[in-house]
PDB file of all heavy atoms in Angstrom:
ATOM      1  N   CYS A   1     -12.027  -4.505 -22.190  1.00  0.00           N
ATOM      2  CA  CYS A   1     -11.484  -3.271 -21.606  1.00  0.00           C
ATOM      3  C   CYS A   1     -12.068  -3.009 -20.224  1.00  0.00           C
ATOM      4  O   CYS A   1     -11.368  -2.573 -19.311  1.00  0.00           O
ATOM      5  CB  CYS A   1     -11.779  -2.088 -22.520  1.00  0.00           C
ATOM      6  SG  CYS A   1     -11.138  -2.259 -24.184  1.00  0.00           S
ATOM      7  N   SER A   2     -13.368  -3.273 -20.074  1.00  0.00           N
ATOM      8  CA  SER A   2     -14.026  -3.052 -18.790  1.00  0.00           C
ATOM      9  C   SER A   2     -13.408  -3.922 -17.706  1.00  0.00           C
ATOM     10  O   SER A   2     -13.149  -3.461 -16.582  1.00  0.00           O
ATOM     11  CB  SER A   2     -15.525  -3.351 -18.914  1.00  0.00           C
ATOM     12  OG  SER A   2     -16.173  -3.201 -17.670  1.00  0.00           O
ATOM     13  N   ASN A   3     -13.155  -5.191 -18.045  1.00  0.00           N
ATOM     14  CA  ASN A   3     -12.544  -6.094 -17.064  1.00  0.00           C
ATOM     15  C   ASN A   3     -11.156  -5.623 -16.673  1.00  0.00           C
ATOM     16  O   ASN A   3     -10.774  -5.664 -15.498  1.00  0.00           O
ATOM     17  CB  ASN A   3     -12.479  -7.513 -17.634  1.00  0.00           C
ATOM     18  CG  ASN A   3     -13.861  -8.132 -17.761  1.00  0.00           C
ATOM     19  OD1 ASN A   3     -14.785  -7.733 -17.064  1.00  0.00           O
ATOM     20  ND2 ASN A   3     -14.007  -9.093 -18.645  1.00  0.00           N
ATOM     21  N   HIS A   4     -10.371  -5.188 -17.667  1.00  0.00           N
ATOM     22  CA  HIS A   4      -9.027  -4.695 -17.367  1.00  0.00           C
ATOM     23  C   HIS A   4      -9.072  -3.419 -16.529  1.00  0.00           C
ATOM     24  O   HIS A   4      -8.229  -3.201 -15.665  1.00  0.00           O
ATOM     25  CB  HIS A   4      -8.250  -4.452 -18.661  1.00  0.00           C
ATOM     26  CG  HIS A   4      -7.673  -5.704 -19.254  1.00  0.00           C
ATOM     27  ND1 HIS A   4      -6.534  -6.293 -18.763  1.00  0.00           N
ATOM     28  CD2 HIS A   4      -8.089  -6.491 -20.265  1.00  0.00           C
ATOM     29  CE1 HIS A   4      -6.259  -7.380 -19.453  1.00  0.00           C
ATOM     30  NE2 HIS A   4      -7.193  -7.531 -20.370  1.00  0.00           N
ATOM     31  N   PHE A   5     -10.059  -2.571 -16.802  1.00  0.00           N
ATOM     32  CA  PHE A   5     -10.212  -1.353 -16.012  1.00  0.00           C
ATOM     33  C   PHE A   5     -10.429  -1.698 -14.547  1.00  0.00           C
ATOM     34  O   PHE A   5      -9.814  -1.111 -13.655  1.00  0.00           O
ATOM     35  CB  PHE A   5     -11.392  -0.548 -16.545  1.00  0.00           C
ATOM     36  CG  PHE A   5     -11.769   0.619 -15.659  1.00  0.00           C
ATOM     37  CD1 PHE A   5     -11.089   1.812 -15.747  1.00  0.00           C
ATOM     38  CD2 PHE A   5     -12.794   0.499 -14.733  1.00  0.00           C
ATOM     39  CE1 PHE A   5     -11.427   2.881 -14.928  1.00  0.00           C
ATOM     40  CE2 PHE A   5     -13.139   1.559 -13.912  1.00  0.00           C
ATOM     41  CZ  PHE A   5     -12.455   2.753 -14.015  1.00  0.00           C
ATOM     42  N   GLN A   6     -11.302  -2.671 -14.296  1.00  0.00           N
ATOM     43  CA  GLN A   6     -11.596  -3.036 -12.915  1.00  0.00           C
ATOM     44  C   GLN A   6     -10.399  -3.700 -12.238  1.00  0.00           C
ATOM     45  O   GLN A   6     -10.148  -3.493 -11.057  1.00  0.00           O
ATOM     46  CB  GLN A   6     -12.821  -3.952 -12.892  1.00  0.00           C
ATOM     47  CG  GLN A   6     -14.082  -3.222 -13.336  1.00  0.00           C
ATOM     48  CD  GLN A   6     -15.293  -4.115 -13.377  1.00  0.00           C
ATOM     49  OE1 GLN A   6     -15.807  -4.518 -12.338  1.00  0.00           O
ATOM     50  NE2 GLN A   6     -15.764  -4.428 -14.572  1.00  0.00           N
ATOM     51  N   ASP A   7      -9.624  -4.502 -12.995  1.00  0.00           N
ATOM     52  CA  ASP A   7      -8.393  -5.072 -12.444  1.00  0.00           C
ATOM     53  C   ASP A   7      -7.406  -3.975 -12.088  1.00  0.00           C
ATOM     54  O   ASP A   7      -6.754  -4.008 -11.041  1.00  0.00           O
ATOM     55  CB  ASP A   7      -7.758  -6.032 -13.454  1.00  0.00           C
ATOM     56  CG  ASP A   7      -8.494  -7.367 -13.507  1.00  0.00           C
ATOM     57  OD1 ASP A   7      -9.284  -7.642 -12.583  1.00  0.00           O
ATOM     58  OD2 ASP A   7      -8.284  -8.111 -14.473  1.00  0.00           O
ATOM     59  N   ASN A   8      -7.299  -2.976 -12.967  1.00  0.00           N
ATOM     60  CA  ASN A   8      -6.375  -1.882 -12.712  1.00  0.00           C
ATOM     61  C   ASN A   8      -6.807  -1.039 -11.528  1.00  0.00           C
ATOM     62  O   ASN A   8      -5.982  -0.429 -10.850  1.00  0.00           O
ATOM     63  CB  ASN A   8      -6.224  -1.009 -13.964  1.00  0.00           C
ATOM     64  CG  ASN A   8      -5.216  -1.574 -14.938  1.00  0.00           C
ATOM     65  OD1 ASN A   8      -4.014  -1.553 -14.675  1.00  0.00           O
ATOM     66  ND2 ASN A   8      -5.691  -2.108 -16.044  1.00  0.00           N
ATOM     67  N   ALA A   9      -8.126  -0.977 -11.268  1.00  0.00           N
ATOM     68  CA  ALA A   9      -8.604  -0.260 -10.080  1.00  0.00           C
ATOM     69  C   ALA A   9      -8.083  -0.938  -8.813  1.00  0.00           C
ATOM     70  O   ALA A   9      -7.708  -0.270  -7.842  1.00  0.00           O
ATOM     71  CB  ALA A   9     -10.132  -0.227 -10.072  1.00  0.00           C
ATOM     72  N   ILE A  10      -8.046  -2.276  -8.815  1.00  0.00           N
ATOM     73  CA  ILE A  10      -7.492  -3.025  -7.677  1.00  0.00           C
ATOM     74  C   ILE A  10      -6.023  -2.660  -7.489  1.00  0.00           C
ATOM     75  O   ILE A  10      -5.563  -2.387  -6.372  1.00  0.00           O
ATOM     76  CB  ILE A  10      -7.647  -4.544  -7.905  1.00  0.00           C
ATOM     77  CG1 ILE A  10      -9.124  -4.930  -7.952  1.00  0.00           C
ATOM     78  CG2 ILE A  10      -6.922  -5.332  -6.814  1.00  0.00           C
ATOM     79  CD1 ILE A  10      -9.367  -6.376  -8.351  1.00  0.00           C
ATOM     80  N   LEU A  11      -5.277  -2.662  -8.594  1.00  0.00           N
ATOM     81  CA  LEU A  11      -3.839  -2.379  -8.517  1.00  0.00           C
ATOM     82  C   LEU A  11      -3.572  -0.926  -8.139  1.00  0.00           C
ATOM     83  O   LEU A  11      -2.593  -0.626  -7.455  1.00  0.00           O
ATOM     84  CB  LEU A  11      -3.175  -2.704  -9.861  1.00  0.00           C
ATOM     85  CG  LEU A  11      -3.077  -4.199 -10.193  1.00  0.00           C
ATOM     86  CD1 LEU A  11      -2.575  -4.399 -11.610  1.00  0.00           C
ATOM     87  CD2 LEU A  11      -2.162  -4.911  -9.205  1.00  0.00           C
ATOM     88  N   TRP A  12      -4.451  -0.017  -8.587  1.00  0.00           N
ATOM     89  CA  TRP A  12      -4.231   1.390  -8.235  1.00  0.00           C
ATOM     90  C   TRP A  12      -4.360   1.592  -6.725  1.00  0.00           C
ATOM     91  O   TRP A  12      -3.551   2.284  -6.107  1.00  0.00           O
ATOM     92  CB  TRP A  12      -5.239   2.276  -8.967  1.00  0.00           C
ATOM     93  CG  TRP A  12      -5.127   3.702  -8.517  1.00  0.00           C
ATOM     94  CD1 TRP A  12      -4.209   4.619  -8.897  1.00  0.00           C
ATOM     95  CD2 TRP A  12      -5.953   4.340  -7.535  1.00  0.00           C
ATOM     96  NE1 TRP A  12      -4.411   5.801  -8.230  1.00  0.00           N
ATOM     97  CE2 TRP A  12      -5.480   5.656  -7.388  1.00  0.00           C
ATOM     98  CE3 TRP A  12      -7.051   3.932  -6.790  1.00  0.00           C
ATOM     99  CZ2 TRP A  12      -6.070   6.571  -6.512  1.00  0.00           C
ATOM    100  CZ3 TRP A  12      -7.633   4.833  -5.918  1.00  0.00           C
ATOM    101  CH2 TRP A  12      -7.144   6.136  -5.788  1.00  0.00           C
ATOM    102  N   LEU A  13      -5.375   0.996  -6.098  1.00  0.00           N
ATOM    103  CA  LEU A  13      -5.554   1.144  -4.656  1.00  0.00           C
ATOM    104  C   LEU A  13      -4.388   0.506  -3.913  1.00  0.00           C
ATOM    105  O   LEU A  13      -3.906   1.051  -2.906  1.00  0.00           O
ATOM    106  CB  LEU A  13      -6.874   0.505  -4.222  1.00  0.00           C
ATOM    107  CG  LEU A  13      -7.248   0.696  -2.746  1.00  0.00           C
ATOM    108  CD1 LEU A  13      -7.335   2.172  -2.403  1.00  0.00           C
ATOM    109  CD2 LEU A  13      -8.559  -0.011  -2.432  1.00  0.00           C
ATOM    110  N   TRP A  14      -3.913  -0.637  -4.402  1.00  0.00           N
ATOM    111  CA  TRP A  14      -2.730  -1.281  -3.797  1.00  0.00           C
ATOM    112  C   TRP A  14      -1.523  -0.341  -3.860  1.00  0.00           C
ATOM    113  O   TRP A  14      -0.806  -0.163  -2.883  1.00  0.00           O
ATOM    114  CB  TRP A  14      -2.444  -2.588  -4.538  1.00  0.00           C
ATOM    115  CG  TRP A  14      -1.048  -3.094  -4.380  1.00  0.00           C
ATOM    116  CD1 TRP A  14      -0.499  -3.713  -3.302  1.00  0.00           C
ATOM    117  CD2 TRP A  14       0.004  -3.000  -5.344  1.00  0.00           C
ATOM    118  NE1 TRP A  14       0.810  -4.027  -3.525  1.00  0.00           N
ATOM    119  CE2 TRP A  14       1.154  -3.601  -4.780  1.00  0.00           C
ATOM    120  CE3 TRP A  14       0.085  -2.480  -6.638  1.00  0.00           C
ATOM    121  CZ2 TRP A  14       2.364  -3.676  -5.467  1.00  0.00           C
ATOM    122  CZ3 TRP A  14       1.289  -2.558  -7.318  1.00  0.00           C
ATOM    123  CH2 TRP A  14       2.406  -3.149  -6.729  1.00  0.00           C
ATOM    124  N   SER A  15      -1.316   0.277  -5.027  1.00  0.00           N
ATOM    125  CA  SER A  15      -0.178   1.182  -5.193  1.00  0.00           C
ATOM    126  C   SER A  15      -0.317   2.403  -4.278  1.00  0.00           C
ATOM    127  O   SER A  15       0.664   2.844  -3.651  1.00  0.00           O
ATOM    128  CB  SER A  15      -0.086   1.623  -6.657  1.00  0.00           C
ATOM    129  OG  SER A  15       0.981   2.504  -6.855  1.00  0.00           O
ATOM    130  N   ALA A  16      -1.546   2.951  -4.188  1.00  0.00           N
ATOM    131  CA  ALA A  16      -1.763   4.113  -3.320  1.00  0.00           C
ATOM    132  C   ALA A  16      -1.540   3.755  -1.849  1.00  0.00           C
ATOM    133  O   ALA A  16      -0.972   4.538  -1.081  1.00  0.00           O
ATOM    134  CB  ALA A  16      -3.189   4.634  -3.530  1.00  0.00           C
ATOM    135  N   HIS A  17      -1.957   2.551  -1.458  1.00  0.00           N
ATOM    136  CA  HIS A  17      -1.766   2.097  -0.081  1.00  0.00           C
ATOM    137  C   HIS A  17      -0.267   1.997   0.240  1.00  0.00           C
ATOM    138  O   HIS A  17       0.193   2.413   1.315  1.00  0.00           O
ATOM    139  CB  HIS A  17      -2.452   0.747   0.104  1.00  0.00           C
ATOM    140  CG  HIS A  17      -2.531   0.304   1.536  1.00  0.00           C
ATOM    141  ND1 HIS A  17      -3.267  -0.787   1.929  1.00  0.00           N
ATOM    142  CD2 HIS A  17      -1.971   0.797   2.679  1.00  0.00           C
ATOM    143  CE1 HIS A  17      -3.161  -0.939   3.235  1.00  0.00           C
ATOM    144  NE2 HIS A  17      -2.367   0.015   3.720  1.00  0.00           N
ATOM    145  N   ASN A  18       0.508   1.451  -0.686  1.00  0.00           N
ATOM    146  CA  ASN A  18       1.947   1.339  -0.464  1.00  0.00           C
ATOM    147  C   ASN A  18       2.621   2.710  -0.401  1.00  0.00           C
ATOM    148  O   ASN A  18       3.611   2.891   0.312  1.00  0.00           O
ATOM    149  CB  ASN A  18       2.590   0.488  -1.562  1.00  0.00           C
ATOM    150  CG  ASN A  18       2.631  -0.988  -1.190  1.00  0.00           C
ATOM    151  OD1 ASN A  18       2.501  -1.344  -0.022  1.00  0.00           O
ATOM    152  ND2 ASN A  18       2.798  -1.847  -2.180  1.00  0.00           N
ATOM    153  N   GLU A  19       2.076   3.655  -1.153  1.00  0.00           N
ATOM    154  CA  GLU A  19       2.626   5.013  -1.098  1.00  0.00           C
ATOM    155  C   GLU A  19       2.419   5.612   0.298  1.00  0.00           C
ATOM    156  O   GLU A  19       3.302   6.268   0.864  1.00  0.00           O
ATOM    157  CB  GLU A  19       1.945   5.878  -2.165  1.00  0.00           C
ATOM    158  CG  GLU A  19       2.428   7.321  -2.200  1.00  0.00           C
ATOM    159  CD  GLU A  19       3.889   7.439  -2.560  1.00  0.00           C
ATOM    160  OE1 GLU A  19       4.387   6.593  -3.336  1.00  0.00           O
ATOM    161  OE2 GLU A  19       4.551   8.383  -2.043  1.00  0.00           O
ATOM    162  N   VAL A  20       1.247   5.354   0.870  1.00  0.00           N
ATOM    163  CA  VAL A  20       0.981   5.822   2.238  1.00  0.00           C
ATOM    164  C   VAL A  20       1.922   5.118   3.224  1.00  0.00           C
ATOM    165  O   VAL A  20       2.477   5.741   4.143  1.00  0.00           O
ATOM    166  CB  VAL A  20      -0.493   5.568   2.616  1.00  0.00           C
ATOM    167  CG1 VAL A  20      -0.723   5.884   4.089  1.00  0.00           C
ATOM    168  CG2 VAL A  20      -1.413   6.404   1.745  1.00  0.00           C
ATOM    169  N   ASN A  21       2.120   3.803   3.070  1.00  0.00           N
ATOM    170  CA  ASN A  21       3.030   3.068   3.952  1.00  0.00           C
ATOM    171  C   ASN A  21       4.445   3.636   3.878  1.00  0.00           C
ATOM    172  O   ASN A  21       5.146   3.742   4.893  1.00  0.00           O
ATOM    173  CB  ASN A  21       3.059   1.587   3.557  1.00  0.00           C
ATOM    174  CG  ASN A  21       1.847   0.826   4.060  1.00  0.00           C
ATOM    175  OD1 ASN A  21       1.085   1.339   4.873  1.00  0.00           O
ATOM    176  ND2 ASN A  21       1.657  -0.380   3.554  1.00  0.00           N
ATOM    177  N   ARG A  22       4.873   3.986   2.658  1.00  0.00           N
ATOM    178  CA  ARG A  22       6.215   4.547   2.494  1.00  0.00           C
ATOM    179  C   ARG A  22       6.329   5.889   3.217  1.00  0.00           C
ATOM    180  O   ARG A  22       7.328   6.193   3.876  1.00  0.00           O
ATOM    181  CB  ARG A  22       6.509   4.711   1.001  1.00  0.00           C
ATOM    182  CG  ARG A  22       7.928   5.223   0.714  1.00  0.00           C
ATOM    183  CD  ARG A  22       8.166   5.432  -0.771  1.00  0.00           C
ATOM    184  NE  ARG A  22       8.021   4.187  -1.511  1.00  0.00           N
ATOM    185  CZ  ARG A  22       7.044   3.911  -2.348  1.00  0.00           C
ATOM    186  NH1 ARG A  22       6.081   4.808  -2.527  1.00  0.00           N
ATOM    187  NH2 ARG A  22       6.980   2.766  -2.983  1.00  0.00           N
ATOM    188  N   ARG A  23       5.290   6.707   3.118  1.00  0.00           N
ATOM    189  CA  ARG A  23       5.319   8.039   3.734  1.00  0.00           C
ATOM    190  C   ARG A  23       5.295   7.965   5.255  1.00  0.00           C
ATOM    191  O   ARG A  23       5.927   8.777   5.946  1.00  0.00           O
ATOM    192  CB  ARG A  23       4.128   8.855   3.221  1.00  0.00           C
ATOM    193  CG  ARG A  23       4.035  10.266   3.790  1.00  0.00           C
ATOM    194  CD  ARG A  23       2.966  11.064   3.067  1.00  0.00           C
ATOM    195  NE  ARG A  23       1.660  10.432   3.095  1.00  0.00           N
ATOM    196  CZ  ARG A  23       0.808  10.545   4.110  1.00  0.00           C
ATOM    197  NH1 ARG A  23       1.146  11.255   5.189  1.00  0.00           N
ATOM    198  NH2 ARG A  23      -0.376   9.953   4.064  1.00  0.00           N
ATOM    199  N   LEU A  24       4.566   6.965   5.803  1.00  0.00           N
ATOM    200  CA  LEU A  24       4.402   6.884   7.262  1.00  0.00           C
ATOM    201  C   LEU A  24       5.430   5.976   7.940  1.00  0.00           C
ATOM    202  O   LEU A  24       5.407   5.826   9.163  1.00  0.00           O
ATOM    203  CB  LEU A  24       2.995   6.382   7.597  1.00  0.00           C
ATOM    204  CG  LEU A  24       1.837   7.309   7.198  1.00  0.00           C
ATOM    205  CD1 LEU A  24       0.506   6.694   7.593  1.00  0.00           C
ATOM    206  CD2 LEU A  24       2.001   8.682   7.841  1.00  0.00           C
ATOM    207  N   ALA A  25       6.311   5.341   7.138  1.00  0.00           N
ATOM    208  CA  ALA A  25       7.342   4.482   7.737  1.00  0.00           C
ATOM    209  C   ALA A  25       8.216   5.311   8.676  1.00  0.00           C
ATOM    210  O   ALA A  25       8.771   6.348   8.287  1.00  0.00           O
ATOM    211  CB  ALA A  25       8.183   3.838   6.645  1.00  0.00           C
ATOM    212  N   GLY A  26       8.334   4.881   9.946  1.00  0.00           N
ATOM    213  CA  GLY A  26       9.122   5.608  10.931  1.00  0.00           C
ATOM    214  C   GLY A  26       8.392   6.764  11.583  1.00  0.00           C
ATOM    215  O   GLY A  26       8.946   7.447  12.454  1.00  0.00           O
ATOM    216  N   ASP A  27       7.157   7.024  11.189  1.00  0.00           N
ATOM    217  CA  ASP A  27       6.371   8.116  11.757  1.00  0.00           C
ATOM    218  C   ASP A  27       5.961   7.761  13.190  1.00  0.00           C
ATOM    219  O   ASP A  27       5.933   6.588  13.584  1.00  0.00           O
ATOM    220  CB  ASP A  27       5.134   8.349  10.890  1.00  0.00           C
ATOM    221  CG  ASP A  27       4.370   9.597  11.300  1.00  0.00           C
ATOM    222  OD1 ASP A  27       4.801  10.693  10.906  1.00  0.00           O
ATOM    223  OD2 ASP A  27       3.344   9.459  11.992  1.00  0.00           O
ATOM    224  N   ALA A  28       5.620   8.780  13.962  1.00  0.00           N
ATOM    225  CA  ALA A  28       5.222   8.561  15.351  1.00  0.00           C
ATOM    226  C   ALA A  28       3.958   7.733  15.447  1.00  0.00           C
ATOM    227  O   ALA A  28       3.681   7.118  16.482  1.00  0.00           O
ATOM    228  CB  ALA A  28       5.013   9.921  16.048  1.00  0.00           C
ATOM    229  N   THR A  29       3.168   7.711  14.359  1.00  0.00           N
ATOM    230  CA  THR A  29       1.926   6.938  14.386  1.00  0.00           C
ATOM    231  C   THR A  29       2.145   5.460  14.069  1.00  0.00           C
ATOM    232  O   THR A  29       1.201   4.662  14.132  1.00  0.00           O
ATOM    233  CB  THR A  29       0.935   7.507  13.352  1.00  0.00           C
ATOM    234  OG1 THR A  29       1.537   7.427  12.042  1.00  0.00           O
ATOM    235  CG2 THR A  29       0.595   8.952  13.663  1.00  0.00           C
ATOM    236  N   GLU A  30       3.374   5.066  13.764  1.00  0.00           N
ATOM    237  CA  GLU A  30       3.654   3.685  13.382  1.00  0.00           C
ATOM    238  C   GLU A  30       3.708   2.785  14.608  1.00  0.00           C
ATOM    239  O   GLU A  30       4.329   3.116  15.624  1.00  0.00           O
ATOM    240  CB  GLU A  30       4.973   3.612  12.629  1.00  0.00           C
ATOM    241  CG  GLU A  30       5.329   2.222  12.123  1.00  0.00           C
ATOM    242  CD  GLU A  30       6.657   2.202  11.387  1.00  0.00           C
ATOM    243  OE1 GLU A  30       7.629   2.802  11.913  1.00  0.00           O
ATOM    244  OE2 GLU A  30       6.731   1.611  10.301  1.00  0.00           O
ATOM    245  N   ASP A  31       3.036   1.644  14.526  1.00  0.00           N
ATOM    246  CA  ASP A  31       3.066   0.654  15.590  1.00  0.00           C
ATOM    247  C   ASP A  31       4.374  -0.138  15.448  1.00  0.00           C
ATOM    248  O   ASP A  31       4.590  -0.793  14.423  1.00  0.00           O
ATOM    249  CB  ASP A  31       1.866  -0.282  15.451  1.00  0.00           C
ATOM    250  CG  ASP A  31       1.783  -1.312  16.575  1.00  0.00           C
ATOM    251  OD1 ASP A  31       2.789  -1.502  17.292  1.00  0.00           O
ATOM    252  OD2 ASP A  31       0.711  -1.938  16.706  1.00  0.00           O
ATOM    253  N   PRO A  32       5.248  -0.113  16.463  1.00  0.00           N
ATOM    254  CA  PRO A  32       6.537  -0.807  16.363  1.00  0.00           C
ATOM    255  C   PRO A  32       6.376  -2.295  16.065  1.00  0.00           C
ATOM    256  O   PRO A  32       7.238  -2.900  15.417  1.00  0.00           O
ATOM    257  CB  PRO A  32       7.169  -0.581  17.738  1.00  0.00           C
ATOM    258  CG  PRO A  32       6.504   0.653  18.263  1.00  0.00           C
ATOM    259  CD  PRO A  32       5.107   0.615  17.733  1.00  0.00           C
ATOM    260  N   ALA A  33       5.283  -2.881  16.547  1.00  0.00           N
ATOM    261  CA  ALA A  33       5.072  -4.307  16.304  1.00  0.00           C
ATOM    262  C   ALA A  33       4.607  -4.587  14.877  1.00  0.00           C
ATOM    263  O   ALA A  33       4.642  -5.729  14.415  1.00  0.00           O
ATOM    264  CB  ALA A  33       4.050  -4.852  17.292  1.00  0.00           C
ATOM    265  N   HIS A  34       4.165  -3.543  14.210  1.00  0.00           N
ATOM    266  CA  HIS A  34       3.662  -3.704  12.833  1.00  0.00           C
ATOM    267  C   HIS A  34       4.194  -2.557  11.973  1.00  0.00           C
ATOM    268  O   HIS A  34       3.468  -1.618  11.647  1.00  0.00           O
ATOM    269  CB  HIS A  34       2.132  -3.725  12.818  1.00  0.00           C
ATOM    270  CG  HIS A  34       1.544  -4.824  13.650  1.00  0.00           C
ATOM    271  ND1 HIS A  34       1.457  -6.127  13.216  1.00  0.00           N
ATOM    272  CD2 HIS A  34       1.036  -4.792  14.911  1.00  0.00           C
ATOM    273  CE1 HIS A  34       0.909  -6.868  14.162  1.00  0.00           C
ATOM    274  NE2 HIS A  34       0.641  -6.085  15.214  1.00  0.00           N
ATOM    275  N   PRO A  35       5.451  -2.610  11.620  1.00  0.00           N
ATOM    276  CA  PRO A  35       6.052  -1.519  10.851  1.00  0.00           C
ATOM    277  C   PRO A  35       5.403  -1.370   9.482  1.00  0.00           C
ATOM    278  O   PRO A  35       4.866  -2.325   8.919  1.00  0.00           O
ATOM    279  CB  PRO A  35       7.519  -1.939  10.732  1.00  0.00           C
ATOM    280  CG  PRO A  35       7.517  -3.416  10.917  1.00  0.00           C
ATOM    281  CD  PRO A  35       6.407  -3.709  11.880  1.00  0.00           C
ATOM    282  N   LYS A  36       5.480  -0.140   8.951  1.00  0.00           N
ATOM    283  CA  LYS A  36       4.901   0.162   7.647  1.00  0.00           C
ATOM    284  C   LYS A  36       5.846  -0.341   6.546  1.00  0.00           C
ATOM    285  O   LYS A  36       6.822   0.319   6.197  1.00  0.00           O
ATOM    286  CB  LYS A  36       4.682   1.669   7.490  1.00  0.00           C
ATOM    287  CG  LYS A  36       3.731   2.275   8.501  1.00  0.00           C
ATOM    288  CD  LYS A  36       2.302   1.842   8.236  1.00  0.00           C
ATOM    289  CE  LYS A  36       1.327   2.561   9.168  1.00  0.00           C
ATOM    290  NZ  LYS A  36      -0.062   2.113   8.957  1.00  0.00           N
ATOM    291  N   VAL A  37       5.566  -1.515   6.015  1.00  0.00           N
ATOM    292  CA  VAL A  37       6.406  -2.095   4.963  1.00  0.00           C
ATOM    293  C   VAL A  37       5.608  -2.134   3.669  1.00  0.00           C
ATOM    294  O   VAL A  37       4.388  -1.937   3.650  1.00  0.00           O
ATOM    295  CB  VAL A  37       6.858  -3.523   5.337  1.00  0.00           C
ATOM    296  CG1 VAL A  37       7.695  -3.497   6.608  1.00  0.00           C
ATOM    297  CG2 VAL A  37       5.657  -4.455   5.503  1.00  0.00           C
ATOM    298  N   GLN A  38       6.312  -2.402   2.603  1.00  0.00           N
ATOM    299  CA  GLN A  38       5.649  -2.516   1.307  1.00  0.00           C
ATOM    300  C   GLN A  38       4.932  -3.866   1.208  1.00  0.00           C
ATOM    301  O   GLN A  38       5.515  -4.912   1.474  1.00  0.00           O
ATOM    302  CB  GLN A  38       6.661  -2.364   0.177  1.00  0.00           C
ATOM    303  CG  GLN A  38       7.273  -0.970   0.115  1.00  0.00           C
ATOM    304  CD  GLN A  38       6.209   0.094  -0.179  1.00  0.00           C
ATOM    305  OE1 GLN A  38       5.769   0.226  -1.301  1.00  0.00           O
ATOM    306  NE2 GLN A  38       5.824   0.846   0.832  1.00  0.00           N
ATOM    307  N   PHE A  39       3.676  -3.798   0.843  1.00  0.00           N
ATOM    308  CA  PHE A  39       2.792  -4.967   0.846  1.00  0.00           C
ATOM    309  C   PHE A  39       2.540  -5.428  -0.591  1.00  0.00           C
ATOM    310  O   PHE A  39       2.346  -4.600  -1.482  1.00  0.00           O
ATOM    311  CB  PHE A  39       1.471  -4.584   1.510  1.00  0.00           C
ATOM    312  CG  PHE A  39       0.427  -5.664   1.487  1.00  0.00           C
ATOM    313  CD1 PHE A  39       0.468  -6.705   2.405  1.00  0.00           C
ATOM    314  CD2 PHE A  39      -0.594  -5.659   0.533  1.00  0.00           C
ATOM    315  CE1 PHE A  39      -0.491  -7.705   2.385  1.00  0.00           C
ATOM    316  CE2 PHE A  39      -1.549  -6.662   0.510  1.00  0.00           C
ATOM    317  CZ  PHE A  39      -1.502  -7.677   1.429  1.00  0.00           C
ATOM    318  N   PRO A  40       2.524  -6.735  -0.820  1.00  0.00           N
ATOM    319  CA  PRO A  40       2.817  -7.815   0.122  1.00  0.00           C
ATOM    320  C   PRO A  40       4.319  -7.988   0.319  1.00  0.00           C
ATOM    321  O   PRO A  40       5.109  -7.690  -0.569  1.00  0.00           O
ATOM    322  CB  PRO A  40       2.194  -9.041  -0.565  1.00  0.00           C
ATOM    323  CG  PRO A  40       2.289  -8.736  -2.022  1.00  0.00           C
ATOM    324  CD  PRO A  40       2.080  -7.263  -2.141  1.00  0.00           C
ATOM    325  N   SER A  41       4.693  -8.464   1.494  1.00  0.00           N
ATOM    326  CA  SER A  41       6.110  -8.669   1.787  1.00  0.00           C
ATOM    327  C   SER A  41       6.638  -9.835   0.970  1.00  0.00           C
ATOM    328  O   SER A  41       5.886 -10.627   0.405  1.00  0.00           O
ATOM    329  CB  SER A  41       6.302  -8.951   3.269  1.00  0.00           C
ATOM    330  OG  SER A  41       5.721 -10.202   3.610  1.00  0.00           O
ATOM    331  N   ALA A  42       7.966  -9.946   0.927  1.00  0.00           N
ATOM    332  CA  ALA A  42       8.594 -11.045   0.190  1.00  0.00           C
ATOM    333  C   ALA A  42       8.201 -12.386   0.773  1.00  0.00           C
ATOM    334  O   ALA A  42       8.078 -13.380   0.052  1.00  0.00           O
ATOM    335  CB  ALA A  42      10.114 -10.876   0.204  1.00  0.00           C
TER     336      ALA A  42
END
């Protein structure tokens, strides 16, 4: 269970990061050369 908890912590941060990318996509703070896409890309 402990190992799975730590794996899920990795996935939770990944999911939270993508949520931020989704919110900031098209925002004035977005670098046009590096658009906010869902990570990892296809």
